[in-house]
């Protein structure tokens, strides 16, 4: 019975990691797209908005993934 429970936990963890990877790709791509769009439309084709957008996407994806893998327990104060 313990092996079945372990397999379920591994499947759950694997699903969470897959979600984290997908979320990271989507958010990084979205940040890069928004940075490129703002660079072309407003800033005269500079590179830093694209890099900043990618960084923000990676940061948001990391925060979401950290919360998903390690949910904080609410303290009864």
C-alpha atoms as a PDB file:
ATOM      1  CA  UNK A   1       0.000   0.000   0.000  1.00  0.00           C
ATOM      2  CA  UNK A   2       2.884   2.381   0.709  1.00  0.00           C
ATOM      3  CA  UNK A   3       4.222   2.036  -2.820  1.00  0.00           C
ATOM      4  CA  UNK A   4       0.895   3.131  -4.317  1.00  0.00           C
ATOM      5  CA  UNK A   5       0.792   6.202  -2.097  1.00  0.00           C
ATOM      6  CA  UNK A   6       4.367   7.061  -3.048  1.00  0.00           C
ATOM      7  CA  UNK A   7       3.522   6.773  -6.742  1.00  0.00           C
ATOM      8  CA  UNK A   8       0.547   9.095  -6.241  1.00  0.00           C
ATOM      9  CA  UNK A   9       2.759  11.648  -4.500  1.00  0.00           C
ATOM     10  CA  UNK A  10       5.351  11.430  -7.290  1.00  0.00           C
ATOM     11  CA  UNK A  11       2.626  11.888  -9.924  1.00  0.00           C
ATOM     12  CA  UNK A  12       1.297  14.930  -8.045  1.00  0.00           C
ATOM     13  CA  UNK A  13       4.780  16.433  -7.772  1.00  0.00           C
ATOM     14  CA  UNK A  14       5.424  15.715 -11.456  1.00  0.00           C
ATOM     15  CA  UNK A  15       2.178  17.438 -12.418  1.00  0.00           C
ATOM     16  CA  UNK A  16       3.140  20.472 -10.339  1.00  0.00           C
ATOM     17  CA  UNK A  17       6.562  20.644 -11.999  1.00  0.00           C
ATOM     18  CA  UNK A  18       4.957  20.395 -15.433  1.00  0.00           C
ATOM     19  CA  UNK A  19       2.629  23.243 -14.478  1.00  0.00           C
ATOM     20  CA  UNK A  20       5.621  25.299 -13.293  1.00  0.00           C
ATOM     21  CA  UNK A  21       7.509  24.737 -16.534  1.00  0.00           C
ATOM     22  CA  UNK A  22       4.510  25.627 -18.681  1.00  0.00           C
ATOM     23  CA  UNK A  23       3.764  28.692 -16.568  1.00  0.00           C
ATOM     24  CA  UNK A  24       7.387  29.808 -16.863  1.00  0.00           C
ATOM     25  CA  UNK A  25       7.407  29.463 -20.646  1.00  0.00           C
ATOM     26  CA  UNK A  26       4.111  31.319 -21.047  1.00  0.00           C
ATOM     27  CA  UNK A  27       4.956  34.150 -18.659  1.00  0.00           C
ATOM     28  CA  UNK A  28       8.485  34.601 -20.025  1.00  0.00           C
ATOM     29  CA  UNK A  29       7.177  34.667 -23.596  1.00  0.00           C
ATOM     30  CA  UNK A  30       4.417  37.088 -22.664  1.00  0.00           C
ATOM     31  CA  UNK A  31       6.871  39.397 -20.926  1.00  0.00           C
ATOM     32  CA  UNK A  32       9.192  39.262 -23.903  1.00  0.00           C
ATOM     33  CA  UNK A  33       6.301  40.029 -26.269  1.00  0.00           C
ATOM     34  CA  UNK A  34       5.088  42.975 -24.194  1.00  0.00           C
ATOM     35  CA  UNK A  35       8.647  44.278 -23.894  1.00  0.00           C
ATOM     36  CA  UNK A  36       9.205  44.015 -27.639  1.00  0.00           C
ATOM     37  CA  UNK A  37       5.898  45.700 -28.359  1.00  0.00           C
ATOM     38  CA  UNK A  38       6.600  48.595 -26.015  1.00  0.00           C
ATOM     39  CA  UNK A  39      10.127  48.860 -27.382  1.00  0.00           C
ATOM     40  CA  UNK A  40       8.931  49.153 -30.969  1.00  0.00           C
ATOM     41  CA  UNK A  41       5.983  51.441 -30.267  1.00  0.00           C
ATOM     42  CA  UNK A  42       7.363  53.791 -27.621  1.00  0.00           C
ATOM     43  CA  UNK A  43      11.120  53.540 -27.114  1.00  0.00           C
ATOM     44  CA  UNK A  44      12.719  53.432 -30.527  1.00  0.00           C
ATOM     45  CA  UNK A  45      13.706  49.754 -30.680  1.00  0.00           C
ATOM     46  CA  UNK A  46      15.791  49.449 -27.551  1.00  0.00           C
ATOM     47  CA  UNK A  47      16.712  46.114 -26.022  1.00  0.00           C
ATOM     48  CA  UNK A  48      16.215  46.745 -22.304  1.00  0.00           C
ATOM     49  CA  UNK A  49      12.364  46.568 -22.284  1.00  0.00           C
ATOM     50  CA  UNK A  50      12.533  43.070 -23.759  1.00  0.00           C
ATOM     51  CA  UNK A  51      15.024  41.951 -21.115  1.00  0.00           C
ATOM     52  CA  UNK A  52      12.992  43.604 -18.339  1.00  0.00           C
ATOM     53  CA  UNK A  53       9.799  41.923 -19.569  1.00  0.00           C
ATOM     54  CA  UNK A  54      11.514  38.532 -19.630  1.00  0.00           C
ATOM     55  CA  UNK A  55      12.836  39.098 -16.116  1.00  0.00           C
ATOM     56  CA  UNK A  56       9.418  40.013 -14.789  1.00  0.00           C
ATOM     57  CA  UNK A  57       7.868  36.959 -16.443  1.00  0.00           C
ATOM     58  CA  UNK A  58      10.495  34.662 -14.944  1.00  0.00           C
ATOM     59  CA  UNK A  59      10.060  36.259 -11.525  1.00  0.00           C
ATOM     60  CA  UNK A  60       6.285  35.899 -11.543  1.00  0.00           C
ATOM     61  CA  UNK A  61       6.524  32.286 -12.730  1.00  0.00           C
ATOM     62  CA  UNK A  62       9.071  31.518 -10.002  1.00  0.00           C
ATOM     63  CA  UNK A  63       6.844  33.016  -7.315  1.00  0.00           C
ATOM     64  CA  UNK A  64       3.831  31.029  -8.549  1.00  0.00           C
ATOM     65  CA  UNK A  65       5.857  27.828  -8.674  1.00  0.00           C
ATOM     66  CA  UNK A  66       7.291  28.356  -5.206  1.00  0.00           C
ATOM     67  CA  UNK A  67       3.801  28.895  -3.816  1.00  0.00           C
ATOM     68  CA  UNK A  68       2.471  25.809  -5.598  1.00  0.00           C
ATOM     69  CA  UNK A  69       5.254  23.536  -4.365  1.00  0.00           C
ATOM     70  CA  UNK A  70       5.521  24.978  -0.833  1.00  0.00           C
ATOM     71  CA  UNK A  71       2.153  26.406   0.218  1.00  0.00           C
ATOM     72  CA  UNK A  72       2.379  28.471   3.358  1.00  0.00           C
ATOM     73  CA  UNK A  73       0.217  27.318   6.180  1.00  0.00           C
ATOM     74  CA  UNK A  74      -2.047  29.910   7.712  1.00  0.00           C
ATOM     75  CA  UNK A  75      -1.261  30.594  11.349  1.00  0.00           C
ATOM     76  CA  UNK A  76      -4.078  30.802  13.809  1.00  0.00           C
ATOM     77  CA  UNK A  77      -3.244  34.034  15.600  1.00  0.00           C
END
